[in-house]
Each structure stands twice: as C-alpha cells, then as structure tokens.
Amino acid sequence: MASDDQFTNNLVLRSVRDQVQRAGICAPSLPEPQRMSDEKEELLDQMAKVIITIGDCVNRDTEFKNMVDGFAQVMDRQSFQRLGDKVFADGITWGKIATLICVVGKAIVKILSDYVSGIVSWTLDYFRDNLLYWICNRGGWINSISSLARYSFEQDFGSSPSPISLSSGVLFISGVLLGGLIVWRLNRVA
C-alpha cells in the first residue's frame, strides 16, 4: 500500500509538472517526486504519457476544456472533493482516475496562467497610468540607458544610518504581502 501511495504521489506530481511545463508557465517549485525502482520509474513514464494523451484530447474538446476552465475559477479543497465524489459516484475506473489527474493539472495551468497574466496586466496598467509620463519626459528607455547603468539604490531611496530605512521597509513589506498573496492563492488550490 505504501508503494502505491508513493507511486500515486509521483504520478500526480509528475503529471502536474508536465502540464505546467508544456503550457510554458513558470510555476513555484513543486515537491519533487521520490525516486523509485527503475521498473516503477518506467511504469511512471508510461502512465505519464497516457495522462498527456488524455490531456491532449481534453484540449481538443472545447466543451470539456471550458468545464475545466470553469472549475479552475472555483477550485478549492471542498469543490475538488465534491468533483471527485461525483466522478466516482457510479464506480472507480482507471480512466476516471487518469482523467481526474489530467483535470487537476489543466486546472492548475489555468489558475497559474490567469494569475500570472493578471499580475502582468496590473503591472502594465500601473506603468501606463503612473510611470509612462515620467519615463517619456526623461527621454524614454532607450535614451536613459546610461542613467540606468549609473543607478544607485542609495541615490533614489536615500541612505540612512539605521539598518532599515523607511523606503526599504516599504519595499520589504510590499514583497512580503505579494508573497503572502501568492502562497494564499496556491494554498487555495491545494
């Protein structure tokens, strides 16, 4: 039983990682699968290929893909539990198990891509709305390369005899809040 549990963990982790990588999305580091015997690693490769094939079929079925995308919008632990209960309500099959693993990977890809594109969009909007005028008034990016090369953190944020200046503190807190938001969102997925 422990061997099958380890295999299941490795299969889910590998399948999710494969789907995220195939989508070309930079994702936070996922837990590494544990090394198994060569025979089990070979079986894991074969099963991962089956799940990739199922995923490719899902990508061709617009209705199913839309359902996965919709599920990704509301995915949390409880909704996943309900989905699993409904999928297996009339019995468990290998095909249903493989499809569920595929759906999880596809949902994670959708969540990550939406989240990443959202952050990129917020950033671009902020630059456009708040910084573009300033950048243009200083000759734009191309004409400012030499100024940027001489950039000094102390020049813009000031130096302070205290170990943490106000501006450094603001930057640190902003980073912590952004990191916390990312971790919270990813925990909702798990």
C-alpha atoms as a PDB file:
ATOM      1  CA  MET A   1       0.000   0.000   0.000  1.00  0.00           C
ATOM      2  CA  ALA A   2       2.841   2.423   0.816  1.00  0.00           C
ATOM      3  CA  SER A   3       4.361   1.663  -2.581  1.00  0.00           C
ATOM      4  CA  ASP A   4       1.103   2.517  -4.366  1.00  0.00           C
ATOM      5  CA  ASP A   5       0.767   5.698  -2.290  1.00  0.00           C
ATOM      6  CA  GLN A   6       4.272   6.771  -3.331  1.00  0.00           C
ATOM      7  CA  PHE A   7       3.510   5.911  -6.968  1.00  0.00           C
ATOM      8  CA  THR A   8       0.274   7.936  -6.834  1.00  0.00           C
ATOM      9  CA  ASN A   9       2.121  10.921  -5.346  1.00  0.00           C
ATOM     10  CA  ASN A  10       4.813  10.714  -8.012  1.00  0.00           C
ATOM     11  CA  LEU A  11       2.269  10.341 -10.825  1.00  0.00           C
ATOM     12  CA  VAL A  12       0.220  13.352  -9.724  1.00  0.00           C
ATOM     13  CA  LEU A  13       3.335  15.499  -9.169  1.00  0.00           C
ATOM     14  CA  ARG A  14       4.875  14.483 -12.485  1.00  0.00           C
ATOM     15  CA  SER A  15       1.627  14.989 -14.401  1.00  0.00           C
ATOM     16  CA  VAL A  16       1.043  18.436 -12.946  1.00  0.00           C
ATOM     17  CA  ARG A  17       4.668  19.439 -13.575  1.00  0.00           C
ATOM     18  CA  ASP A  18       4.487  18.134 -17.175  1.00  0.00           C
ATOM     19  CA  GLN A  19       1.307  20.082 -17.903  1.00  0.00           C
ATOM     20  CA  VAL A  20       2.664  23.278 -16.363  1.00  0.00           C
ATOM     21  CA  GLN A  21       5.913  22.957 -18.339  1.00  0.00           C
ATOM     22  CA  ARG A  22       4.073  22.150 -21.583  1.00  0.00           C
ATOM     23  CA  ALA A  23       1.999  25.293 -21.093  1.00  0.00           C
ATOM     24  CA  GLY A  24       5.230  27.274 -20.729  1.00  0.00           C
ATOM     25  CA  ILE A  25       4.252  28.700 -17.365  1.00  0.00           C
ATOM     26  CA  CYS A  26       6.773  29.488 -14.676  1.00  0.00           C
ATOM     27  CA  ALA A  27       5.400  27.894 -11.554  1.00  0.00           C
ATOM     28  CA  PRO A  28       6.548  27.855  -7.990  1.00  0.00           C
ATOM     29  CA  SER A  29       8.601  24.830  -7.200  1.00  0.00           C
ATOM     30  CA  LEU A  30       6.514  21.743  -6.723  1.00  0.00           C
ATOM     31  CA  PRO A  31       7.525  18.932  -4.398  1.00  0.00           C
ATOM     32  CA  GLU A  32       9.951  16.579  -6.084  1.00  0.00           C
ATOM     33  CA  PRO A  33       8.756  13.038  -6.734  1.00  0.00           C
ATOM     34  CA  GLN A  34      10.622  10.448  -4.683  1.00  0.00           C
ATOM     35  CA  ARG A  35      12.955   8.139  -6.557  1.00  0.00           C
ATOM     36  CA  MET A  36      11.543   4.662  -7.109  1.00  0.00           C
ATOM     37  CA  SER A  37      12.902   1.466  -8.599  1.00  0.00           C
ATOM     38  CA  ASP A  38      13.758   1.524 -12.302  1.00  0.00           C
ATOM     39  CA  GLU A  39      10.779  -0.714 -13.020  1.00  0.00           C
ATOM     40  CA  LYS A  40       8.377   1.676 -11.266  1.00  0.00           C
ATOM     41  CA  GLU A  41      10.011   4.701 -12.902  1.00  0.00           C
ATOM     42  CA  GLU A  42       9.402   3.083 -16.296  1.00  0.00           C
ATOM     43  CA  LEU A  43       5.758   2.451 -15.362  1.00  0.00           C
ATOM     44  CA  LEU A  44       5.511   6.054 -14.157  1.00  0.00           C
ATOM     45  CA  ASP A  45       6.805   7.250 -17.553  1.00  0.00           C
ATOM     46  CA  GLN A  46       4.194   5.128 -19.332  1.00  0.00           C
ATOM     47  CA  MET A  47       1.356   6.380 -17.116  1.00  0.00           C
ATOM     48  CA  ALA A  48       2.502   9.989 -17.539  1.00  0.00           C
ATOM     49  CA  LYS A  49       2.358   9.526 -21.323  1.00  0.00           C
ATOM     50  CA  VAL A  50      -1.211   8.201 -21.024  1.00  0.00           C
ATOM     51  CA  ILE A  51      -2.212  11.251 -18.990  1.00  0.00           C
ATOM     52  CA  ILE A  52      -0.524  13.550 -21.545  1.00  0.00           C
ATOM     53  CA  THR A  53      -2.550  11.831 -24.284  1.00  0.00           C
ATOM     54  CA  ILE A  54      -5.757  12.343 -22.293  1.00  0.00           C
ATOM     55  CA  GLY A  55      -4.775  15.979 -21.750  1.00  0.00           C
ATOM     56  CA  ASP A  56      -4.244  16.464 -25.466  1.00  0.00           C
ATOM     57  CA  CYS A  57      -7.722  15.019 -26.096  1.00  0.00           C
ATOM     58  CA  VAL A  58      -9.178  17.383 -23.495  1.00  0.00           C
ATOM     59  CA  ASN A  59      -7.543  20.320 -25.280  1.00  0.00           C
ATOM     60  CA  ARG A  60      -9.324  19.341 -28.498  1.00  0.00           C
ATOM     61  CA  ASP A  61     -12.748  19.085 -26.797  1.00  0.00           C
ATOM     62  CA  THR A  62     -13.857  22.703 -26.387  1.00  0.00           C
ATOM     63  CA  GLU A  63     -16.812  21.896 -24.126  1.00  0.00           C
ATOM     64  CA  PHE A  64     -14.697  19.807 -21.748  1.00  0.00           C
ATOM     65  CA  LYS A  65     -11.909  22.395 -21.796  1.00  0.00           C
ATOM     66  CA  ASN A  66     -14.436  25.108 -20.896  1.00  0.00           C
ATOM     67  CA  MET A  67     -15.686  22.980 -17.989  1.00  0.00           C
ATOM     68  CA  VAL A  68     -12.114  22.572 -16.695  1.00  0.00           C
ATOM     69  CA  ASP A  69     -11.549  26.328 -17.047  1.00  0.00           C
ATOM     70  CA  GLY A  70     -14.780  26.976 -15.124  1.00  0.00           C
ATOM     71  CA  PHE A  71     -13.745  24.527 -12.422  1.00  0.00           C
ATOM     72  CA  ALA A  72     -10.398  26.333 -12.122  1.00  0.00           C
ATOM     73  CA  GLN A  73     -12.280  29.533 -11.280  1.00  0.00           C
ATOM     74  CA  VAL A  74     -13.882  27.976  -8.183  1.00  0.00           C
ATOM     75  CA  MET A  75     -11.352  25.293  -7.305  1.00  0.00           C
ATOM     76  CA  ASP A  76     -10.666  24.822  -3.634  1.00  0.00           C
ATOM     77  CA  ARG A  77     -10.397  21.757  -1.410  1.00  0.00           C
ATOM     78  CA  GLN A  78     -14.159  21.370  -0.951  1.00  0.00           C
ATOM     79  CA  SER A  79     -15.008  21.785  -4.635  1.00  0.00           C
ATOM     80  CA  PHE A  80     -12.296  19.288  -5.522  1.00  0.00           C
ATOM     81  CA  GLN A  81     -13.732  16.804  -3.003  1.00  0.00           C
ATOM     82  CA  ARG A  82     -17.213  17.256  -4.497  1.00  0.00           C
ATOM     83  CA  LEU A  83     -15.846  16.816  -8.015  1.00  0.00           C
ATOM     84  CA  GLY A  84     -14.080  13.604  -7.019  1.00  0.00           C
ATOM     85  CA  ASP A  85     -17.189  12.294  -5.274  1.00  0.00           C
ATOM     86  CA  LYS A  86     -19.317  12.966  -8.373  1.00  0.00           C
ATOM     87  CA  VAL A  87     -16.777  11.490 -10.803  1.00  0.00           C
ATOM     88  CA  PHE A  88     -16.585   8.249  -8.818  1.00  0.00           C
ATOM     89  CA  ALA A  89     -20.221   8.094  -7.655  1.00  0.00           C
ATOM     90  CA  ASP A  90     -21.046   5.233 -10.028  1.00  0.00           C
ATOM     91  CA  GLY A  91     -17.729   3.427  -9.658  1.00  0.00           C
ATOM     92  CA  ILE A  92     -13.992   3.809  -9.915  1.00  0.00           C
ATOM     93  CA  THR A  93     -12.153   3.105 -13.178  1.00  0.00           C
ATOM     94  CA  TRP A  94      -8.565   3.638 -14.297  1.00  0.00           C
ATOM     95  CA  GLY A  95      -9.800   6.012 -16.990  1.00  0.00           C
ATOM     96  CA  LYS A  96     -11.628   8.188 -14.461  1.00  0.00           C
ATOM     97  CA  ILE A  97      -8.550   8.290 -12.222  1.00  0.00           C
ATOM     98  CA  ALA A  98      -6.279   9.301 -15.120  1.00  0.00           C
ATOM     99  CA  THR A  99      -8.787  11.895 -16.315  1.00  0.00           C
ATOM    100  CA  LEU A 100      -9.084  13.388 -12.815  1.00  0.00           C
ATOM    101  CA  ILE A 101      -5.289  13.730 -12.612  1.00  0.00           C
ATOM    102  CA  CYS A 102      -5.365  15.433 -16.017  1.00  0.00           C
ATOM    103  CA  VAL A 103      -8.161  17.787 -14.957  1.00  0.00           C
ATOM    104  CA  VAL A 104      -6.184  18.798 -11.869  1.00  0.00           C
ATOM    105  CA  GLY A 105      -3.132  19.602 -13.997  1.00  0.00           C
ATOM    106  CA  LYS A 106      -5.213  21.556 -16.507  1.00  0.00           C
ATOM    107  CA  ALA A 107      -6.936  23.489 -13.698  1.00  0.00           C
ATOM    108  CA  ILE A 108      -3.565  24.361 -12.140  1.00  0.00           C
ATOM    109  CA  VAL A 109      -2.276  25.568 -15.511  1.00  0.00           C
ATOM    110  CA  LYS A 110      -5.404  27.719 -15.926  1.00  0.00           C
ATOM    111  CA  ILE A 111      -5.114  29.166 -12.411  1.00  0.00           C
ATOM    112  CA  LEU A 112      -1.422  29.948 -12.831  1.00  0.00           C
ATOM    113  CA  SER A 113      -1.842  31.462 -16.287  1.00  0.00           C
ATOM    114  CA  ASP A 114      -4.763  33.631 -15.146  1.00  0.00           C
ATOM    115  CA  TYR A 115      -2.878  34.685 -12.025  1.00  0.00           C
ATOM    116  CA  VAL A 116       0.363  35.436 -13.855  1.00  0.00           C
ATOM    117  CA  SER A 117      -1.409  37.284 -16.671  1.00  0.00           C
ATOM    118  CA  GLY A 118      -3.374  39.241 -14.046  1.00  0.00           C
ATOM    119  CA  ILE A 119      -0.210  40.375 -12.292  1.00  0.00           C
ATOM    120  CA  VAL A 120       1.407  41.267 -15.626  1.00  0.00           C
ATOM    121  CA  SER A 121      -1.724  43.226 -16.577  1.00  0.00           C
ATOM    122  CA  TRP A 122      -1.745  45.106 -13.244  1.00  0.00           C
ATOM    123  CA  THR A 123       1.928  45.928 -13.709  1.00  0.00           C
ATOM    124  CA  LEU A 124       1.473  47.177 -17.264  1.00  0.00           C
ATOM    125  CA  ASP A 125      -1.551  49.256 -16.238  1.00  0.00           C
ATOM    126  CA  TYR A 126       0.415  50.777 -13.363  1.00  0.00           C
ATOM    127  CA  PHE A 127       3.333  51.672 -15.627  1.00  0.00           C
ATOM    128  CA  ARG A 128       0.992  53.121 -18.248  1.00  0.00           C
ATOM    129  CA  ASP A 129      -1.098  55.087 -15.744  1.00  0.00           C
ATOM    130  CA  ASN A 130       1.588  56.205 -13.292  1.00  0.00           C
ATOM    131  CA  LEU A 131       5.085  55.975 -14.752  1.00  0.00           C
ATOM    132  CA  LEU A 132       4.924  56.358 -18.531  1.00  0.00           C
ATOM    133  CA  TYR A 133       4.672  60.150 -18.466  1.00  0.00           C
ATOM    134  CA  TRP A 134       7.745  60.384 -16.236  1.00  0.00           C
ATOM    135  CA  ILE A 135       9.686  57.901 -18.406  1.00  0.00           C
ATOM    136  CA  CYS A 136       8.825  59.803 -21.608  1.00  0.00           C
ATOM    137  CA  ASN A 137       9.775  63.173 -20.077  1.00  0.00           C
ATOM    138  CA  ARG A 138      13.240  61.808 -19.399  1.00  0.00           C
ATOM    139  CA  GLY A 139      13.852  60.705 -22.957  1.00  0.00           C
ATOM    140  CA  GLY A 140      12.310  57.251 -22.729  1.00  0.00           C
ATOM    141  CA  TRP A 141      14.000  53.944 -22.002  1.00  0.00           C
ATOM    142  CA  ILE A 142      16.403  53.997 -24.943  1.00  0.00           C
ATOM    143  CA  ASN A 143      17.788  57.446 -24.136  1.00  0.00           C
ATOM    144  CA  SER A 144      18.045  56.620 -20.448  1.00  0.00           C
ATOM    145  CA  ILE A 145      20.250  53.534 -20.605  1.00  0.00           C
ATOM    146  CA  SER A 146      23.304  55.425 -19.344  1.00  0.00           C
ATOM    147  CA  SER A 147      21.329  56.857 -16.408  1.00  0.00           C
ATOM    148  CA  LEU A 148      20.002  53.419 -15.601  1.00  0.00           C
ATOM    149  CA  ALA A 149      23.511  51.979 -15.739  1.00  0.00           C
ATOM    150  CA  ARG A 150      24.604  54.501 -13.094  1.00  0.00           C
ATOM    151  CA  TYR A 151      21.549  53.752 -10.970  1.00  0.00           C
ATOM    152  CA  SER A 152      22.238  53.770  -7.269  1.00  0.00           C
ATOM    153  CA  PHE A 153      19.806  52.461  -4.707  1.00  0.00           C
ATOM    154  CA  GLU A 154      21.054  54.960  -2.143  1.00  0.00           C
ATOM    155  CA  GLN A 155      20.537  57.849  -4.561  1.00  0.00           C
ATOM    156  CA  ASP A 156      16.837  57.114  -5.072  1.00  0.00           C
ATOM    157  CA  PHE A 157      15.963  55.789  -1.653  1.00  0.00           C
ATOM    158  CA  GLY A 158      18.443  57.696   0.460  1.00  0.00           C
ATOM    159  CA  SER A 159      20.938  56.295   2.861  1.00  0.00           C
ATOM    160  CA  SER A 160      20.142  56.020   6.494  1.00  0.00           C
ATOM    161  CA  PRO A 161      22.279  55.223   9.499  1.00  0.00           C
ATOM    162  CA  SER A 162      19.503  52.909  10.708  1.00  0.00           C
ATOM    163  CA  PRO A 163      19.640  49.331   9.399  1.00  0.00           C
ATOM    164  CA  ILE A 164      16.225  49.636   7.779  1.00  0.00           C
ATOM    165  CA  SER A 165      15.202  52.912   6.176  1.00  0.00           C
ATOM    166  CA  LEU A 166      11.555  53.778   5.631  1.00  0.00           C
ATOM    167  CA  SER A 167      11.717  53.130   1.895  1.00  0.00           C
ATOM    168  CA  SER A 168      13.483  49.795   2.381  1.00  0.00           C
ATOM    169  CA  GLY A 169      10.824  48.860   4.893  1.00  0.00           C
ATOM    170  CA  VAL A 170       8.064  49.726   2.423  1.00  0.00           C
ATOM    171  CA  LEU A 171       9.758  47.620  -0.260  1.00  0.00           C
ATOM    172  CA  PHE A 172      10.175  44.716   2.156  1.00  0.00           C
ATOM    173  CA  ILE A 173       6.568  44.839   3.339  1.00  0.00           C
ATOM    174  CA  SER A 174       5.340  45.041  -0.272  1.00  0.00           C
ATOM    175  CA  GLY A 175       7.342  41.920  -1.107  1.00  0.00           C
ATOM    176  CA  VAL A 176       6.001  40.085   1.931  1.00  0.00           C
ATOM    177  CA  LEU A 177       2.418  41.000   1.033  1.00  0.00           C
ATOM    178  CA  LEU A 178       2.860  39.897  -2.584  1.00  0.00           C
ATOM    179  CA  GLY A 179       4.485  36.645  -1.451  1.00  0.00           C
ATOM    180  CA  GLY A 180       1.692  36.081   1.057  1.00  0.00           C
ATOM    181  CA  LEU A 181      -0.923  36.633  -1.649  1.00  0.00           C
ATOM    182  CA  ILE A 182       0.782  34.100  -3.914  1.00  0.00           C
ATOM    183  CA  VAL A 183       1.099  31.499  -1.137  1.00  0.00           C
ATOM    184  CA  TRP A 184      -2.533  32.048  -0.084  1.00  0.00           C
ATOM    185  CA  ARG A 185      -3.745  31.586  -3.674  1.00  0.00           C
ATOM    186  CA  LEU A 186      -1.659  28.455  -4.136  1.00  0.00           C
ATOM    187  CA  ASN A 187      -2.902  27.016  -0.835  1.00  0.00           C
ATOM    188  CA  ARG A 188      -6.475  27.511  -2.066  1.00  0.00           C
ATOM    189  CA  VAL A 189      -5.537  25.259  -4.972  1.00  0.00           C
ATOM    190  CA  ALA A 190      -4.090  22.586  -2.670  1.00  0.00           C
END
